[in-house]
Amino acid sequence: MALAELGLFSQAIILFAALVLFTSFIMLGQARTLPLIFTFAWQGLLLAVVTVLVAYVSKHPDLYVSAALTIVLKVVLIPWLLYRLSVQLNMQYDAELIRHPSLLLLGGAGLVIFSYYVALPIVRLSGLATRNTIAVSIAVELIGMLLMCVRRNAVAQVIGFMSMENGLFFSAVVSTYGMPLIVELGVAFDVLVAAILFGVFFIHLRDSFDSLDVVRLNRLSEADEPMPLQEAAGARPPGEHS
């Protein structure tokens, strides 16, 4: 269906869906921690706006509750927790070295093309007013996964995980007009608990390695572990014989 043939609210849904996808590209190429957190908050706000528009078009009032939960959790609470954590760890102005950022953005563009190719049969068969944004929801999920795979900073990887969850929620909204409210409440609680647990993990990781670079975890080996007590008691200095 041509864009001009759609209603005003359907065109607005497509516009804000495109802005949600644009924020995914900004997070993919953003090296600094603080702008990355703020971009994630903007993505949550745009996602809430899309949810309100879908609720109006589809006449599903329970989606208004979903939009309110999105604003409370993903626009206010989780970004605030990440911001406080970055200030506590004194990393709010840290910048991660991104190798080959142009290739990274081209990879994201390739995922968008792949998403439209995958969603093409769904768009043709679907009768929903939001069928034009199904490909965008898939692309947001894949770009969030790419962000998790290519970034070395733990905060960036957690934001990539949260962005994937945004894509899943967006997919549920545009493809089925939302999940049952009890399911969304459970998912929202799980996301909040995950954010708190990630914060505890960040603090322990920074205290142990003085860095949130997850590559340092891969350098751990058994040689770095302390010697067991029994072996230490039986060890003798070189040259000493029984």
C-alpha atoms as a PDB file:
ATOM      1  CA  MET A   1       0.000   0.000   0.000  1.00  0.00           C
ATOM      2  CA  ALA A   2       1.359   3.436  -0.960  1.00  0.00           C
ATOM      3  CA  LEU A   3       2.173   5.861   1.813  1.00  0.00           C
ATOM      4  CA  ALA A   4      -0.233   8.477   0.417  1.00  0.00           C
ATOM      5  CA  GLU A   5      -3.120   6.016   0.677  1.00  0.00           C
ATOM      6  CA  LEU A   6      -2.664   5.568   4.420  1.00  0.00           C
ATOM      7  CA  GLY A   7      -4.434   7.599   7.061  1.00  0.00           C
ATOM      8  CA  LEU A   8      -2.804  10.413   8.982  1.00  0.00           C
ATOM      9  CA  PHE A   9      -2.214   8.338  12.126  1.00  0.00           C
ATOM     10  CA  SER A  10      -0.824   5.407  10.123  1.00  0.00           C
ATOM     11  CA  GLN A  11       1.632   7.767   8.444  1.00  0.00           C
ATOM     12  CA  ALA A  12       2.582   9.125  11.883  1.00  0.00           C
ATOM     13  CA  ILE A  13       3.220   5.550  13.093  1.00  0.00           C
ATOM     14  CA  ILE A  14       5.575   4.956  10.167  1.00  0.00           C
ATOM     15  CA  LEU A  15       7.358   8.263  10.823  1.00  0.00           C
ATOM     16  CA  PHE A  16       7.982   7.565  14.505  1.00  0.00           C
ATOM     17  CA  ALA A  17       8.952   3.968  13.702  1.00  0.00           C
ATOM     18  CA  ALA A  18      11.612   5.359  11.357  1.00  0.00           C
ATOM     19  CA  LEU A  19      12.850   7.607  14.169  1.00  0.00           C
ATOM     20  CA  VAL A  20      13.083   4.570  16.487  1.00  0.00           C
ATOM     21  CA  LEU A  21      15.233   2.855  13.867  1.00  0.00           C
ATOM     22  CA  PHE A  22      17.342   5.999  13.535  1.00  0.00           C
ATOM     23  CA  THR A  23      18.088   5.972  17.280  1.00  0.00           C
ATOM     24  CA  SER A  24      19.318   2.375  16.894  1.00  0.00           C
ATOM     25  CA  PHE A  25      21.870   3.582  14.332  1.00  0.00           C
ATOM     26  CA  ILE A  26      22.902   6.435  16.642  1.00  0.00           C
ATOM     27  CA  MET A  27      23.543   3.949  19.478  1.00  0.00           C
ATOM     28  CA  LEU A  28      25.460   1.688  17.088  1.00  0.00           C
ATOM     29  CA  GLY A  29      27.897   4.459  16.216  1.00  0.00           C
ATOM     30  CA  GLN A  30      27.985   6.277  19.591  1.00  0.00           C
ATOM     31  CA  ALA A  31      31.267   5.835  21.451  1.00  0.00           C
ATOM     32  CA  ARG A  32      30.594   7.875  24.612  1.00  0.00           C
ATOM     33  CA  THR A  33      28.674   6.417  27.525  1.00  0.00           C
ATOM     34  CA  LEU A  34      26.485   9.379  28.489  1.00  0.00           C
ATOM     35  CA  PRO A  35      25.092  10.144  24.992  1.00  0.00           C
ATOM     36  CA  LEU A  36      24.509   6.409  24.574  1.00  0.00           C
ATOM     37  CA  ILE A  37      22.306   6.361  27.688  1.00  0.00           C
ATOM     38  CA  PHE A  38      20.397   9.470  26.568  1.00  0.00           C
ATOM     39  CA  THR A  39      19.827   7.984  23.090  1.00  0.00           C
ATOM     40  CA  PHE A  40      18.408   4.853  24.693  1.00  0.00           C
ATOM     41  CA  ALA A  41      16.005   7.058  26.677  1.00  0.00           C
ATOM     42  CA  TRP A  42      14.933   8.823  23.479  1.00  0.00           C
ATOM     43  CA  GLN A  43      14.311   5.464  21.827  1.00  0.00           C
ATOM     44  CA  GLY A  44      12.055   4.508  24.730  1.00  0.00           C
ATOM     45  CA  LEU A  45      10.143   7.788  24.397  1.00  0.00           C
ATOM     46  CA  LEU A  46       9.626   7.292  20.664  1.00  0.00           C
ATOM     47  CA  LEU A  47       8.522   3.723  21.321  1.00  0.00           C
ATOM     48  CA  ALA A  48       5.933   5.013  23.808  1.00  0.00           C
ATOM     49  CA  VAL A  49       4.650   7.512  21.224  1.00  0.00           C
ATOM     50  CA  VAL A  50       4.281   4.735  18.624  1.00  0.00           C
ATOM     51  CA  THR A  51       2.405   2.629  21.195  1.00  0.00           C
ATOM     52  CA  VAL A  52      -0.033   5.485  21.888  1.00  0.00           C
ATOM     53  CA  LEU A  53      -0.658   5.963  18.161  1.00  0.00           C
ATOM     54  CA  VAL A  54      -1.238   2.228  17.659  1.00  0.00           C
ATOM     55  CA  ALA A  55      -3.628   2.232  20.626  1.00  0.00           C
ATOM     56  CA  TYR A  56      -5.617   5.060  19.031  1.00  0.00           C
ATOM     57  CA  VAL A  57      -5.722   3.476  15.564  1.00  0.00           C
ATOM     58  CA  SER A  58      -6.490  -0.059  16.751  1.00  0.00           C
ATOM     59  CA  LYS A  59      -8.881   0.925  19.570  1.00  0.00           C
ATOM     60  CA  HIS A  60      -6.902  -1.112  22.127  1.00  0.00           C
ATOM     61  CA  PRO A  61      -6.950   0.936  25.362  1.00  0.00           C
ATOM     62  CA  ASP A  62      -4.651  -1.500  27.189  1.00  0.00           C
ATOM     63  CA  LEU A  63      -1.808  -0.229  24.994  1.00  0.00           C
ATOM     64  CA  TYR A  64      -2.016   3.093  26.846  1.00  0.00           C
ATOM     65  CA  VAL A  65      -0.919   1.232  29.988  1.00  0.00           C
ATOM     66  CA  SER A  66       1.943  -0.294  27.995  1.00  0.00           C
ATOM     67  CA  ALA A  67       3.000   3.173  26.838  1.00  0.00           C
ATOM     68  CA  ALA A  68       2.926   4.440  30.435  1.00  0.00           C
ATOM     69  CA  LEU A  69       5.081   1.506  31.587  1.00  0.00           C
ATOM     70  CA  THR A  70       7.521   2.213  28.759  1.00  0.00           C
ATOM     71  CA  ILE A  71       7.878   5.842  29.831  1.00  0.00           C
ATOM     72  CA  VAL A  72       8.357   4.972  33.503  1.00  0.00           C
ATOM     73  CA  LEU A  73      10.875   2.183  32.908  1.00  0.00           C
ATOM     74  CA  LYS A  74      12.741   2.941  29.683  1.00  0.00           C
ATOM     75  CA  VAL A  75      12.591   6.719  29.623  1.00  0.00           C
ATOM     76  CA  VAL A  76      13.001   7.540  33.316  1.00  0.00           C
ATOM     77  CA  LEU A  77      13.989   4.698  35.645  1.00  0.00           C
ATOM     78  CA  ILE A  78      16.464   2.540  33.694  1.00  0.00           C
ATOM     79  CA  PRO A  79      18.327   5.502  32.081  1.00  0.00           C
ATOM     80  CA  TRP A  80      18.492   7.133  35.519  1.00  0.00           C
ATOM     81  CA  LEU A  81      19.964   3.938  37.009  1.00  0.00           C
ATOM     82  CA  LEU A  82      22.517   3.703  34.199  1.00  0.00           C
ATOM     83  CA  TYR A  83      23.395   7.389  34.598  1.00  0.00           C
ATOM     84  CA  ARG A  84      23.869   7.105  38.367  1.00  0.00           C
ATOM     85  CA  LEU A  85      25.962   4.002  37.841  1.00  0.00           C
ATOM     86  CA  SER A  86      28.177   5.686  35.251  1.00  0.00           C
ATOM     87  CA  VAL A  87      28.697   8.663  37.588  1.00  0.00           C
ATOM     88  CA  GLN A  88      29.463   6.350  40.513  1.00  0.00           C
ATOM     89  CA  LEU A  89      32.066   4.512  38.428  1.00  0.00           C
ATOM     90  CA  ASN A  90      33.387   7.822  37.027  1.00  0.00           C
ATOM     91  CA  MET A  91      32.885   6.710  33.428  1.00  0.00           C
ATOM     92  CA  GLN A  92      30.170   9.094  32.222  1.00  0.00           C
ATOM     93  CA  TYR A  93      32.643  10.808  29.873  1.00  0.00           C
ATOM     94  CA  ASP A  94      34.525   7.686  28.781  1.00  0.00           C
ATOM     95  CA  ALA A  95      34.723   6.979  25.060  1.00  0.00           C
ATOM     96  CA  GLU A  96      35.186   3.500  23.627  1.00  0.00           C
ATOM     97  CA  LEU A  97      37.392   3.017  20.590  1.00  0.00           C
ATOM     98  CA  ILE A  98      35.139   1.732  17.785  1.00  0.00           C
ATOM     99  CA  ARG A  99      37.077   0.032  15.027  1.00  0.00           C
ATOM    100  CA  HIS A 100      35.807   0.574  11.494  1.00  0.00           C
ATOM    101  CA  PRO A 101      32.671   2.590  12.391  1.00  0.00           C
ATOM    102  CA  SER A 102      31.734   3.008   8.728  1.00  0.00           C
ATOM    103  CA  LEU A 103      31.695  -0.749   8.192  1.00  0.00           C
ATOM    104  CA  LEU A 104      29.660  -1.111  11.382  1.00  0.00           C
ATOM    105  CA  LEU A 105      26.984   1.284  10.109  1.00  0.00           C
ATOM    106  CA  LEU A 106      26.994  -0.452   6.727  1.00  0.00           C
ATOM    107  CA  GLY A 107      26.422  -3.726   8.574  1.00  0.00           C
ATOM    108  CA  GLY A 108      23.429  -2.129  10.305  1.00  0.00           C
ATOM    109  CA  ALA A 109      22.083  -0.978   6.940  1.00  0.00           C
ATOM    110  CA  GLY A 110      22.493  -4.530   5.631  1.00  0.00           C
ATOM    111  CA  LEU A 111      20.445  -5.805   8.573  1.00  0.00           C
ATOM    112  CA  VAL A 112      17.683  -3.324   7.720  1.00  0.00           C
ATOM    113  CA  ILE A 113      17.565  -4.587   4.119  1.00  0.00           C
ATOM    114  CA  PHE A 114      17.530  -8.162   5.400  1.00  0.00           C
ATOM    115  CA  SER A 115      14.664  -7.301   7.770  1.00  0.00           C
ATOM    116  CA  TYR A 116      12.563  -5.886   4.945  1.00  0.00           C
ATOM    117  CA  TYR A 117      13.251  -9.001   2.882  1.00  0.00           C
ATOM    118  CA  VAL A 118      12.183 -11.272   5.765  1.00  0.00           C
ATOM    119  CA  ALA A 119       9.071  -9.228   6.565  1.00  0.00           C
ATOM    120  CA  LEU A 120       7.894  -8.920   2.944  1.00  0.00           C
ATOM    121  CA  PRO A 121       5.604 -12.018   3.030  1.00  0.00           C
ATOM    122  CA  ILE A 122       4.154 -10.872   6.354  1.00  0.00           C
ATOM    123  CA  VAL A 123       3.440  -7.398   5.012  1.00  0.00           C
ATOM    124  CA  ARG A 124       1.659  -8.838   1.962  1.00  0.00           C
ATOM    125  CA  LEU A 125      -0.584 -11.156   3.991  1.00  0.00           C
ATOM    126  CA  SER A 126      -1.231  -8.970   7.024  1.00  0.00           C
ATOM    127  CA  GLY A 127      -4.310  -6.824   7.288  1.00  0.00           C
ATOM    128  CA  LEU A 128      -3.062  -4.715  10.180  1.00  0.00           C
ATOM    129  CA  ALA A 129      -2.697  -0.960   9.880  1.00  0.00           C
ATOM    130  CA  THR A 130       0.842  -1.271  11.257  1.00  0.00           C
ATOM    131  CA  ARG A 131       2.096  -3.917   8.830  1.00  0.00           C
ATOM    132  CA  ASN A 132       4.488  -1.439   7.202  1.00  0.00           C
ATOM    133  CA  THR A 133       6.507  -1.184  10.434  1.00  0.00           C
ATOM    134  CA  ILE A 134       7.029  -4.907  11.060  1.00  0.00           C
ATOM    135  CA  ALA A 135      10.359  -4.794   9.207  1.00  0.00           C
ATOM    136  CA  VAL A 136      11.460  -1.862  11.387  1.00  0.00           C
ATOM    137  CA  SER A 137      10.787  -3.853  14.554  1.00  0.00           C
ATOM    138  CA  ILE A 138      12.897  -6.756  13.250  1.00  0.00           C
ATOM    139  CA  ALA A 139      15.688  -4.360  12.287  1.00  0.00           C
ATOM    140  CA  VAL A 140      15.723  -2.790  15.777  1.00  0.00           C
ATOM    141  CA  GLU A 141      16.157  -6.260  17.301  1.00  0.00           C
ATOM    142  CA  LEU A 142      18.996  -7.206  14.937  1.00  0.00           C
ATOM    143  CA  ILE A 143      20.842  -3.902  15.375  1.00  0.00           C
ATOM    144  CA  GLY A 144      20.592  -4.287  19.152  1.00  0.00           C
ATOM    145  CA  MET A 145      22.119  -7.748  18.811  1.00  0.00           C
ATOM    146  CA  LEU A 146      24.886  -6.316  16.611  1.00  0.00           C
ATOM    147  CA  LEU A 147      25.562  -3.651  19.254  1.00  0.00           C
ATOM    148  CA  MET A 148      25.987  -6.378  21.873  1.00  0.00           C
ATOM    149  CA  CYS A 149      28.360  -8.370  19.651  1.00  0.00           C
ATOM    150  CA  VAL A 150      30.740  -5.623  18.539  1.00  0.00           C
ATOM    151  CA  ARG A 151      31.085  -3.445  21.633  1.00  0.00           C
ATOM    152  CA  ARG A 152      33.584  -4.200  24.390  1.00  0.00           C
ATOM    153  CA  ASN A 153      32.163  -1.902  27.068  1.00  0.00           C
ATOM    154  CA  ALA A 154      29.764  -3.650  29.444  1.00  0.00           C
ATOM    155  CA  VAL A 155      27.387  -0.665  29.620  1.00  0.00           C
ATOM    156  CA  ALA A 156      27.104  -0.556  25.818  1.00  0.00           C
ATOM    157  CA  GLN A 157      26.384  -4.280  25.746  1.00  0.00           C
ATOM    158  CA  VAL A 158      23.618  -3.910  28.340  1.00  0.00           C
ATOM    159  CA  ILE A 159      22.076  -1.050  26.351  1.00  0.00           C
ATOM    160  CA  GLY A 160      22.231  -3.302  23.288  1.00  0.00           C
ATOM    161  CA  PHE A 161      20.353  -5.953  25.266  1.00  0.00           C
ATOM    162  CA  MET A 162      17.737  -3.416  26.333  1.00  0.00           C
ATOM    163  CA  SER A 163      17.450  -2.210  22.739  1.00  0.00           C
ATOM    164  CA  MET A 164      16.749  -5.790  21.654  1.00  0.00           C
ATOM    165  CA  GLU A 165      13.960  -5.888  24.236  1.00  0.00           C
ATOM    166  CA  ASN A 166      12.638  -2.627  22.764  1.00  0.00           C
ATOM    167  CA  GLY A 167      12.569  -4.307  19.367  1.00  0.00           C
ATOM    168  CA  LEU A 168      10.684  -7.300  20.765  1.00  0.00           C
ATOM    169  CA  PHE A 169       8.123  -5.041  22.436  1.00  0.00           C
ATOM    170  CA  PHE A 170       7.809  -2.969  19.262  1.00  0.00           C
ATOM    171  CA  SER A 171       7.306  -6.164  17.251  1.00  0.00           C
ATOM    172  CA  ALA A 172       4.497  -7.256  19.584  1.00  0.00           C
ATOM    173  CA  VAL A 173       2.816  -3.860  19.322  1.00  0.00           C
ATOM    174  CA  VAL A 174       2.903  -3.554  15.529  1.00  0.00           C
ATOM    175  CA  SER A 175       2.252  -7.208  14.653  1.00  0.00           C
ATOM    176  CA  THR A 176      -0.412  -8.240  17.195  1.00  0.00           C
ATOM    177  CA  TYR A 177      -1.445  -4.911  18.776  1.00  0.00           C
ATOM    178  CA  GLY A 178       0.322  -5.819  21.981  1.00  0.00           C
ATOM    179  CA  MET A 179       0.654  -8.694  24.410  1.00  0.00           C
ATOM    180  CA  PRO A 180      -1.780  -9.398  27.297  1.00  0.00           C
ATOM    181  CA  LEU A 181      -1.332  -6.822  30.038  1.00  0.00           C
ATOM    182  CA  ILE A 182      -0.273  -9.395  32.658  1.00  0.00           C
ATOM    183  CA  VAL A 183       2.503 -10.576  30.322  1.00  0.00           C
ATOM    184  CA  GLU A 184       3.715  -7.019  29.757  1.00  0.00           C
ATOM    185  CA  LEU A 185       3.771  -6.376  33.518  1.00  0.00           C
ATOM    186  CA  GLY A 186       5.874  -9.506  34.016  1.00  0.00           C
ATOM    187  CA  VAL A 187       8.274  -8.520  31.240  1.00  0.00           C
ATOM    188  CA  ALA A 188       8.571  -4.983  32.630  1.00  0.00           C
ATOM    189  CA  PHE A 189       9.416  -6.354  36.074  1.00  0.00           C
ATOM    190  CA  ASP A 190      11.991  -8.735  34.579  1.00  0.00           C
ATOM    191  CA  VAL A 191      13.642  -5.904  32.658  1.00  0.00           C
ATOM    192  CA  LEU A 192      13.844  -3.773  35.806  1.00  0.00           C
ATOM    193  CA  VAL A 193      15.385  -6.613  37.822  1.00  0.00           C
ATOM    194  CA  ALA A 194      17.854  -7.280  34.988  1.00  0.00           C
ATOM    195  CA  ALA A 195      18.917  -3.606  34.998  1.00  0.00           C
ATOM    196  CA  ILE A 196      19.551  -3.714  38.765  1.00  0.00           C
ATOM    197  CA  LEU A 197      21.529  -6.968  38.500  1.00  0.00           C
ATOM    198  CA  PHE A 198      23.601  -5.543  35.664  1.00  0.00           C
ATOM    199  CA  GLY A 199      24.388  -2.551  37.869  1.00  0.00           C
ATOM    200  CA  VAL A 200      25.681  -4.824  40.642  1.00  0.00           C
ATOM    201  CA  PHE A 201      27.737  -6.721  38.055  1.00  0.00           C
ATOM    202  CA  PHE A 202      29.256  -3.450  36.782  1.00  0.00           C
ATOM    203  CA  ILE A 203      30.370  -2.451  40.278  1.00  0.00           C
ATOM    204  CA  HIS A 204      32.026  -5.807  40.959  1.00  0.00           C
ATOM    205  CA  LEU A 205      33.654  -5.827  37.515  1.00  0.00           C
ATOM    206  CA  ARG A 206      35.079  -2.335  38.009  1.00  0.00           C
ATOM    207  CA  ASP A 207      36.348  -3.182  41.506  1.00  0.00           C
ATOM    208  CA  SER A 208      38.026  -6.357  40.252  1.00  0.00           C
ATOM    209  CA  PHE A 209      39.565  -5.162  36.971  1.00  0.00           C
ATOM    210  CA  ASP A 210      39.436  -1.357  37.247  1.00  0.00           C
ATOM    211  CA  SER A 211      37.667  -1.396  33.871  1.00  0.00           C
ATOM    212  CA  LEU A 212      34.370  -2.360  32.253  1.00  0.00           C
ATOM    213  CA  ASP A 213      36.106  -3.782  29.182  1.00  0.00           C
ATOM    214  CA  VAL A 214      34.682  -7.301  28.898  1.00  0.00           C
ATOM    215  CA  VAL A 215      37.694  -8.432  26.845  1.00  0.00           C
ATOM    216  CA  ARG A 216      39.647  -8.584  30.085  1.00  0.00           C
ATOM    217  CA  LEU A 217      37.381 -11.400  31.227  1.00  0.00           C
ATOM    218  CA  ASN A 218      38.580 -13.479  28.292  1.00  0.00           C
ATOM    219  CA  ARG A 219      42.198 -13.122  29.446  1.00  0.00           C
ATOM    220  CA  LEU A 220      41.560 -14.942  32.685  1.00  0.00           C
ATOM    221  CA  SER A 221      43.185 -18.365  32.928  1.00  0.00           C
ATOM    222  CA  GLU A 222      43.719 -21.054  35.504  1.00  0.00           C
ATOM    223  CA  ALA A 223      47.274 -19.823  35.936  1.00  0.00           C
ATOM    224  CA  ASP A 224      45.915 -16.671  37.543  1.00  0.00           C
ATOM    225  CA  GLU A 225      43.989 -18.607  40.169  1.00  0.00           C
ATOM    226  CA  PRO A 226      45.460 -18.970  43.668  1.00  0.00           C
ATOM    227  CA  MET A 227      47.133 -22.263  44.501  1.00  0.00           C
ATOM    228  CA  PRO A 228      44.973 -24.639  46.541  1.00  0.00           C
ATOM    229  CA  LEU A 229      45.791 -24.828  50.245  1.00  0.00           C
ATOM    230  CA  GLN A 230      46.898 -28.488  50.097  1.00  0.00           C
ATOM    231  CA  GLU A 231      49.323 -27.826  47.227  1.00  0.00           C
ATOM    232  CA  ALA A 232      50.670 -24.716  48.921  1.00  0.00           C
ATOM    233  CA  ALA A 233      51.369 -26.677  52.132  1.00  0.00           C
ATOM    234  CA  GLY A 234      53.186 -29.426  50.212  1.00  0.00           C
ATOM    235  CA  ALA A 235      55.257 -27.088  48.063  1.00  0.00           C
ATOM    236  CA  ARG A 236      58.958 -26.859  48.859  1.00  0.00           C
ATOM    237  CA  PRO A 237      61.520 -24.254  47.847  1.00  0.00           C
ATOM    238  CA  PRO A 238      63.820 -25.192  44.951  1.00  0.00           C
ATOM    239  CA  GLY A 239      66.863 -27.207  46.094  1.00  0.00           C
ATOM    240  CA  GLU A 240      65.216 -28.468  49.283  1.00  0.00           C
ATOM    241  CA  HIS A 241      64.986 -32.276  49.432  1.00  0.00           C
ATOM    242  CA  SER A 242      63.015 -34.523  51.712  1.00  0.00           C
END
